[in-house]
């Protein structure tokens, strides 16, 4: 089978595999070359795949969609981390999680500042109308 992983900016992984093991909304799914064609919603987590040479690889994803069509496995996900060792993927995913949390905190602060500015602006306009 040919596995292709698409992230918004590019094709992330393109490799021949003889096994793909994923976590879906309905539970675990293991695809082998003669598996029936299917579509599945993926949850955030790890995808394990095995190449024709027997080497295993891992892909950390942030949810997505899997389509198995003939000898192709197509995965679309907003973010992906590729690695041969689980430890390296775990570290990368943890770093990305911290970065996302920090960006979310900064966005929340910016939103709070905008709300305060809007409230002040409304208050000042109402005060202008109340003066004799």
N, C-alpha and C. Protein backbone atom coordinates (compact mmCIF):
# COMPACT_ATOMS: atom_id res chain seq x y z
N UNK A 1 0.85 -1.17 0.00
CA UNK A 1 0.00 0.00 0.00
C UNK A 1 0.90 1.23 0.00
N UNK A 2 0.35 2.30 -0.51
CA UNK A 2 1.06 3.58 -0.53
C UNK A 2 0.36 4.51 0.46
N UNK A 3 1.09 4.96 1.50
CA UNK A 3 0.52 5.87 2.49
C UNK A 3 0.95 7.29 2.19
N UNK A 4 -0.04 8.18 2.12
CA UNK A 4 0.22 9.60 1.91
C UNK A 4 -0.46 10.36 3.05
N UNK A 5 0.29 11.27 3.66
CA UNK A 5 -0.25 12.08 4.75
C UNK A 5 -0.19 13.53 4.32
N UNK A 6 -1.35 14.16 4.33
CA UNK A 6 -1.45 15.55 3.90
C UNK A 6 -1.71 16.45 5.09
N UNK A 7 -0.89 17.49 5.21
CA UNK A 7 -1.12 18.57 6.16
C UNK A 7 -1.44 19.80 5.31
N UNK A 8 -1.98 20.87 5.90
CA UNK A 8 -2.42 21.99 5.07
C UNK A 8 -1.38 22.53 4.08
N UNK A 9 -0.13 22.49 4.43
CA UNK A 9 0.88 23.11 3.58
C UNK A 9 1.55 22.18 2.58
N UNK A 10 1.44 20.84 2.78
CA UNK A 10 2.18 19.95 1.88
C UNK A 10 1.81 18.49 2.13
N UNK A 11 2.40 17.61 1.33
CA UNK A 11 2.32 16.17 1.60
C UNK A 11 3.44 15.87 2.59
N UNK A 12 3.07 15.35 3.74
CA UNK A 12 4.03 15.19 4.83
C UNK A 12 4.79 13.86 4.75
N UNK A 13 4.10 12.79 4.46
CA UNK A 13 4.72 11.46 4.40
C UNK A 13 4.24 10.78 3.13
N UNK A 14 5.14 10.16 2.45
CA UNK A 14 4.80 9.40 1.25
C UNK A 14 5.67 8.15 1.30
N UNK A 15 5.08 7.00 1.62
CA UNK A 15 5.88 5.80 1.80
C UNK A 15 5.05 4.55 1.51
N UNK A 16 5.74 3.47 1.17
CA UNK A 16 5.09 2.17 0.99
C UNK A 16 5.01 1.47 2.33
N UNK A 17 3.83 0.93 2.64
CA UNK A 17 3.61 0.27 3.93
C UNK A 17 2.86 -1.04 3.70
N UNK A 18 3.00 -1.94 4.67
CA UNK A 18 2.19 -3.16 4.61
C UNK A 18 1.26 -3.27 5.82
N UNK A 19 1.28 -2.24 6.70
CA UNK A 19 0.38 -2.20 7.84
C UNK A 19 0.24 -0.75 8.29
N UNK A 20 -0.99 -0.34 8.58
CA UNK A 20 -1.26 0.98 9.16
C UNK A 20 -2.23 0.76 10.30
N UNK A 21 -1.86 1.21 11.50
CA UNK A 21 -2.66 1.02 12.70
C UNK A 21 -3.04 2.41 13.22
N UNK A 22 -4.36 2.69 13.26
CA UNK A 22 -4.84 4.03 13.63
C UNK A 22 -5.92 3.93 14.71
N UNK A 23 -6.16 5.05 15.37
CA UNK A 23 -7.26 5.16 16.34
C UNK A 23 -8.33 6.04 15.70
N UNK A 24 -9.54 5.49 15.59
CA UNK A 24 -10.65 6.22 14.98
C UNK A 24 -11.68 6.58 16.05
N UNK A 25 -12.70 7.30 15.62
CA UNK A 25 -13.81 7.61 16.54
C UNK A 25 -14.48 6.33 17.03
N UNK A 26 -14.41 5.28 16.24
CA UNK A 26 -15.06 4.01 16.59
C UNK A 26 -14.12 2.98 17.20
N UNK A 27 -12.87 3.33 17.45
CA UNK A 27 -11.90 2.39 18.02
C UNK A 27 -10.70 2.21 17.11
N UNK A 28 -9.88 1.21 17.43
CA UNK A 28 -8.67 0.94 16.65
C UNK A 28 -9.01 0.31 15.32
N UNK A 29 -8.20 0.64 14.32
CA UNK A 29 -8.37 0.08 12.99
C UNK A 29 -6.99 -0.25 12.45
N UNK A 30 -6.81 -1.49 12.03
CA UNK A 30 -5.55 -1.91 11.42
C UNK A 30 -5.81 -2.24 9.96
N UNK A 31 -5.10 -1.54 9.08
CA UNK A 31 -5.25 -1.74 7.64
C UNK A 31 -4.10 -2.60 7.13
N UNK A 32 -4.45 -3.61 6.38
CA UNK A 32 -3.48 -4.46 5.68
C UNK A 32 -3.74 -4.30 4.18
N UNK A 33 -2.81 -4.74 3.33
CA UNK A 33 -2.95 -4.49 1.89
C UNK A 33 -4.29 -4.89 1.28
N UNK A 34 -4.90 -5.96 1.72
CA UNK A 34 -6.15 -6.40 1.09
C UNK A 34 -7.39 -5.97 1.86
N UNK A 35 -7.21 -5.00 2.76
CA UNK A 35 -8.33 -4.50 3.55
C UNK A 35 -9.34 -3.83 2.63
N UNK A 36 -10.61 -3.94 2.98
CA UNK A 36 -11.67 -3.31 2.20
C UNK A 36 -11.50 -1.78 2.21
N UNK A 37 -11.91 -1.13 1.15
CA UNK A 37 -11.85 0.33 1.10
C UNK A 37 -12.75 0.91 2.19
N UNK A 38 -12.31 2.02 2.78
CA UNK A 38 -13.09 2.62 3.87
C UNK A 38 -12.70 4.08 4.07
N UNK A 39 -13.52 4.76 4.86
CA UNK A 39 -13.27 6.13 5.29
C UNK A 39 -13.45 6.14 6.79
N UNK A 40 -12.56 6.83 7.52
CA UNK A 40 -12.65 6.87 8.98
C UNK A 40 -12.23 8.24 9.50
N UNK A 41 -12.93 8.68 10.55
CA UNK A 41 -12.54 9.90 11.26
C UNK A 41 -11.49 9.52 12.29
N UNK A 42 -10.35 10.19 12.26
CA UNK A 42 -9.25 9.88 13.18
C UNK A 42 -9.27 10.80 14.39
N UNK A 43 -8.88 10.25 15.53
CA UNK A 43 -8.74 11.07 16.74
C UNK A 43 -7.27 11.44 16.90
N UNK A 44 -7.01 12.46 17.69
CA UNK A 44 -5.63 12.86 17.96
C UNK A 44 -4.90 11.71 18.64
N UNK A 45 -3.70 11.43 18.19
CA UNK A 45 -2.92 10.34 18.77
C UNK A 45 -1.84 9.86 17.83
N UNK A 46 -1.48 8.60 17.97
CA UNK A 46 -0.39 8.01 17.18
C UNK A 46 -0.92 7.08 16.10
N UNK A 47 -0.28 7.16 14.95
CA UNK A 47 -0.49 6.18 13.89
C UNK A 47 0.79 5.36 13.81
N UNK A 48 0.64 4.06 13.83
CA UNK A 48 1.80 3.17 13.68
C UNK A 48 1.73 2.58 12.29
N UNK A 49 2.86 2.58 11.61
CA UNK A 49 2.89 1.95 10.28
C UNK A 49 4.14 1.12 10.13
N UNK A 50 4.07 0.11 9.27
CA UNK A 50 5.21 -0.77 9.03
C UNK A 50 5.50 -0.78 7.54
N UNK A 51 6.72 -0.47 7.22
CA UNK A 51 7.15 -0.48 5.83
C UNK A 51 7.37 -1.88 5.33
N UNK A 52 7.55 -2.01 4.03
CA UNK A 52 7.79 -3.32 3.42
C UNK A 52 9.05 -3.97 3.94
N UNK A 53 10.01 -3.17 4.44
CA UNK A 53 11.26 -3.71 4.99
C UNK A 53 11.11 -4.18 6.44
N UNK A 54 9.90 -4.02 7.01
CA UNK A 54 9.66 -4.45 8.39
C UNK A 54 9.91 -3.37 9.43
N UNK A 55 10.51 -2.25 9.04
CA UNK A 55 10.75 -1.16 9.99
C UNK A 55 9.44 -0.46 10.31
N UNK A 56 9.27 -0.16 11.61
CA UNK A 56 8.08 0.55 12.03
C UNK A 56 8.36 2.04 12.12
N UNK A 57 7.34 2.81 11.85
CA UNK A 57 7.41 4.25 12.00
C UNK A 57 6.16 4.72 12.72
N UNK A 58 6.22 5.93 13.23
CA UNK A 58 5.11 6.49 13.98
C UNK A 58 4.81 7.89 13.47
N UNK A 59 3.56 8.23 13.60
CA UNK A 59 3.10 9.53 13.15
C UNK A 59 2.16 10.06 14.22
N UNK A 60 2.52 11.16 14.84
CA UNK A 60 1.64 11.81 15.80
C UNK A 60 0.75 12.77 15.04
N UNK A 61 -0.56 12.65 15.21
CA UNK A 61 -1.48 13.52 14.47
C UNK A 61 -2.44 14.23 15.42
N UNK A 62 -3.06 15.25 14.90
CA UNK A 62 -4.01 16.05 15.66
C UNK A 62 -5.41 15.85 15.10
N UNK A 63 -5.83 14.57 14.99
CA UNK A 63 -7.11 14.25 14.40
C UNK A 63 -7.02 14.26 12.89
N UNK A 64 -8.12 14.00 12.22
CA UNK A 64 -8.11 14.03 10.77
C UNK A 64 -9.03 13.00 10.15
N UNK A 65 -8.76 12.70 8.88
CA UNK A 65 -9.58 11.77 8.12
C UNK A 65 -8.67 10.78 7.39
N UNK A 66 -9.07 9.53 7.37
CA UNK A 66 -8.35 8.49 6.64
C UNK A 66 -9.26 7.96 5.55
N UNK A 67 -8.70 7.78 4.35
CA UNK A 67 -9.42 7.16 3.24
C UNK A 67 -8.54 6.04 2.71
N UNK A 68 -9.06 4.82 2.68
CA UNK A 68 -8.35 3.66 2.09
C UNK A 68 -9.06 3.36 0.78
N UNK A 69 -8.31 3.50 -0.31
CA UNK A 69 -8.87 3.27 -1.65
C UNK A 69 -7.88 2.40 -2.42
N UNK A 70 -8.28 1.20 -2.73
CA UNK A 70 -7.37 0.30 -3.45
C UNK A 70 -6.09 0.08 -2.66
N UNK A 71 -4.96 0.41 -3.28
CA UNK A 71 -3.68 0.22 -2.59
C UNK A 71 -3.15 1.53 -2.01
N UNK A 72 -4.02 2.52 -1.82
CA UNK A 72 -3.61 3.82 -1.27
C UNK A 72 -4.30 4.07 0.07
N UNK A 73 -3.53 4.59 1.01
CA UNK A 73 -4.05 5.05 2.30
C UNK A 73 -3.76 6.55 2.36
N UNK A 74 -4.82 7.35 2.35
CA UNK A 74 -4.69 8.80 2.35
C UNK A 74 -5.14 9.32 3.70
N UNK A 75 -4.28 10.11 4.32
CA UNK A 75 -4.60 10.67 5.63
C UNK A 75 -4.46 12.18 5.53
N UNK A 76 -5.51 12.88 5.96
CA UNK A 76 -5.49 14.33 6.00
C UNK A 76 -5.60 14.75 7.46
N UNK A 77 -4.69 15.61 7.90
CA UNK A 77 -4.65 16.04 9.30
C UNK A 77 -4.13 17.48 9.38
N UNK A 78 -4.58 18.24 10.37
CA UNK A 78 -4.08 19.61 10.48
C UNK A 78 -2.60 19.69 10.88
N UNK A 79 -2.14 18.72 11.67
CA UNK A 79 -0.74 18.71 12.11
C UNK A 79 -0.25 17.28 12.24
N UNK A 80 1.04 17.08 11.90
CA UNK A 80 1.62 15.73 12.00
C UNK A 80 3.08 15.82 12.37
N UNK A 81 3.53 14.84 13.16
CA UNK A 81 4.93 14.70 13.55
C UNK A 81 5.34 13.28 13.20
N UNK A 82 6.43 13.13 12.45
CA UNK A 82 6.90 11.82 12.00
C UNK A 82 8.15 11.43 12.77
N UNK A 83 8.27 10.13 13.10
CA UNK A 83 9.48 9.67 13.78
C UNK A 83 9.56 8.16 13.80
N UNK A 84 10.74 7.66 14.06
CA UNK A 84 10.96 6.22 14.17
C UNK A 84 10.88 5.75 15.62
N UNK A 85 11.04 6.69 16.56
CA UNK A 85 11.03 6.33 17.98
C UNK A 85 9.90 7.10 18.69
N UNK A 86 9.18 6.38 19.54
CA UNK A 86 8.07 7.00 20.24
C UNK A 86 8.52 8.15 21.14
N UNK A 87 9.67 8.01 21.76
CA UNK A 87 10.16 9.06 22.65
C UNK A 87 10.35 10.39 21.95
N UNK A 88 10.90 10.36 20.75
CA UNK A 88 11.13 11.60 20.02
C UNK A 88 9.81 12.24 19.60
N UNK A 89 8.84 11.43 19.23
CA UNK A 89 7.53 11.95 18.85
C UNK A 89 6.84 12.54 20.07
N UNK A 90 6.91 11.83 21.19
CA UNK A 90 6.27 12.33 22.41
C UNK A 90 6.83 13.69 22.79
N UNK A 91 8.15 13.83 22.73
CA UNK A 91 8.77 15.12 23.05
C UNK A 91 8.33 16.23 22.11
N UNK A 92 8.27 15.93 20.83
CA UNK A 92 7.85 16.92 19.84
C UNK A 92 6.38 17.30 20.03
N UNK A 93 5.52 16.31 20.28
CA UNK A 93 4.10 16.60 20.51
C UNK A 93 3.90 17.43 21.77
N UNK A 94 4.66 17.11 22.81
CA UNK A 94 4.56 17.87 24.06
C UNK A 94 4.99 19.31 23.85
N UNK A 95 6.06 19.53 23.10
CA UNK A 95 6.53 20.89 22.80
C UNK A 95 5.48 21.65 22.00
N UNK A 96 4.90 21.01 21.01
CA UNK A 96 3.86 21.66 20.20
C UNK A 96 2.63 21.98 21.04
N UNK A 97 2.28 21.07 21.97
CA UNK A 97 1.13 21.32 22.84
C UNK A 97 1.37 22.54 23.71
N UNK A 98 2.58 22.65 24.26
CA UNK A 98 2.91 23.83 25.09
C UNK A 98 2.85 25.10 24.27
N UNK A 99 3.36 25.05 23.03
CA UNK A 99 3.33 26.22 22.16
C UNK A 99 1.89 26.63 21.84
N UNK A 100 1.02 25.64 21.56
CA UNK A 100 -0.38 25.95 21.28
C UNK A 100 -1.05 26.57 22.50
N UNK A 101 -0.76 26.04 23.69
CA UNK A 101 -1.34 26.59 24.91
C UNK A 101 -0.88 28.03 25.13
N UNK A 102 0.39 28.30 24.86
CA UNK A 102 0.92 29.66 25.02
C UNK A 102 0.25 30.61 24.03
N UNK A 103 0.10 30.17 22.78
CA UNK A 103 -0.59 31.01 21.79
C UNK A 103 -2.04 31.25 22.19
N UNK A 104 -2.69 30.24 22.73
CA UNK A 104 -4.08 30.39 23.16
C UNK A 104 -4.18 31.39 24.31
N UNK A 105 -3.22 31.35 25.24
CA UNK A 105 -3.22 32.31 26.34
C UNK A 105 -3.03 33.73 25.83
N UNK A 106 -2.11 33.90 24.89
CA UNK A 106 -1.87 35.23 24.31
C UNK A 106 -3.10 35.73 23.56
N UNK A 107 -3.76 34.84 22.85
CA UNK A 107 -4.98 35.22 22.13
C UNK A 107 -6.08 35.61 23.11
N UNK A 108 -6.18 34.89 24.22
CA UNK A 108 -7.18 35.21 25.24
C UNK A 108 -6.90 36.57 25.86
N UNK A 109 -5.62 36.88 26.10
CA UNK A 109 -5.27 38.20 26.64
C UNK A 109 -5.62 39.31 25.66
N UNK A 110 -5.31 39.08 24.38
CA UNK A 110 -5.62 40.08 23.35
C UNK A 110 -7.13 40.30 23.26
N UNK A 111 -7.91 39.22 23.33
CA UNK A 111 -9.35 39.33 23.29
C UNK A 111 -9.88 40.12 24.49
N UNK A 112 -9.32 39.86 25.66
CA UNK A 112 -9.74 40.59 26.87
C UNK A 112 -9.45 42.08 26.72
N UNK A 113 -8.28 42.43 26.16
CA UNK A 113 -7.95 43.85 25.94
C UNK A 113 -8.94 44.49 24.98
N UNK A 114 -9.29 43.79 23.91
CA UNK A 114 -10.26 44.31 22.95
C UNK A 114 -11.63 44.53 23.60
N UNK A 115 -12.04 43.59 24.45
CA UNK A 115 -13.33 43.74 25.14
C UNK A 115 -13.33 44.96 26.05
N UNK A 116 -12.23 45.19 26.76
CA UNK A 116 -12.13 46.36 27.63
C UNK A 116 -12.18 47.63 26.80
N UNK A 117 -11.44 47.67 25.69
CA UNK A 117 -11.46 48.85 24.83
C UNK A 117 -12.86 49.11 24.28
N UNK A 118 -13.56 48.06 23.88
CA UNK A 118 -14.91 48.21 23.36
C UNK A 118 -15.85 48.75 24.44
N UNK A 119 -15.75 48.19 25.63
CA UNK A 119 -16.60 48.65 26.74
C UNK A 119 -16.32 50.12 27.05
N UNK A 120 -15.06 50.51 27.08
CA UNK A 120 -14.72 51.92 27.33
C UNK A 120 -15.29 52.81 26.24
N UNK A 121 -15.15 52.39 25.02
CA UNK A 121 -15.65 53.18 23.89
C UNK A 121 -17.16 53.36 23.99
N UNK A 122 -17.88 52.30 24.31
CA UNK A 122 -19.34 52.38 24.45
C UNK A 122 -19.70 53.30 25.61
N UNK A 123 -19.01 53.16 26.72
CA UNK A 123 -19.28 53.98 27.90
C UNK A 123 -19.04 55.45 27.59
N UNK A 124 -17.94 55.76 26.90
CA UNK A 124 -17.63 57.15 26.57
C UNK A 124 -18.69 57.73 25.63
N UNK A 125 -19.16 56.97 24.68
CA UNK A 125 -20.20 57.45 23.76
C UNK A 125 -21.51 57.69 24.48
N UNK A 126 -21.88 56.79 25.39
CA UNK A 126 -23.11 56.97 26.15
C UNK A 126 -22.99 58.18 27.06
N UNK A 127 -21.82 58.41 27.62
CA UNK A 127 -21.62 59.56 28.51
C UNK A 127 -21.77 60.85 27.72
N UNK A 128 -21.32 60.89 26.46
CA UNK A 128 -21.46 62.07 25.63
C UNK A 128 -22.93 62.40 25.39
N UNK A 129 -23.79 61.40 25.24
CA UNK A 129 -25.21 61.63 24.97
C UNK A 129 -25.95 62.10 26.21
N UNK A 130 -25.47 61.78 27.39
CA UNK A 130 -26.19 62.10 28.63
C UNK A 130 -25.91 63.53 29.08
N UNK A 131 -24.89 64.19 28.59
CA UNK A 131 -24.54 65.54 29.05
C UNK A 131 -25.55 66.54 28.49
N UNK A 132 -25.96 67.52 29.33
CA UNK A 132 -26.90 68.53 28.86
C UNK A 132 -26.28 69.55 27.94
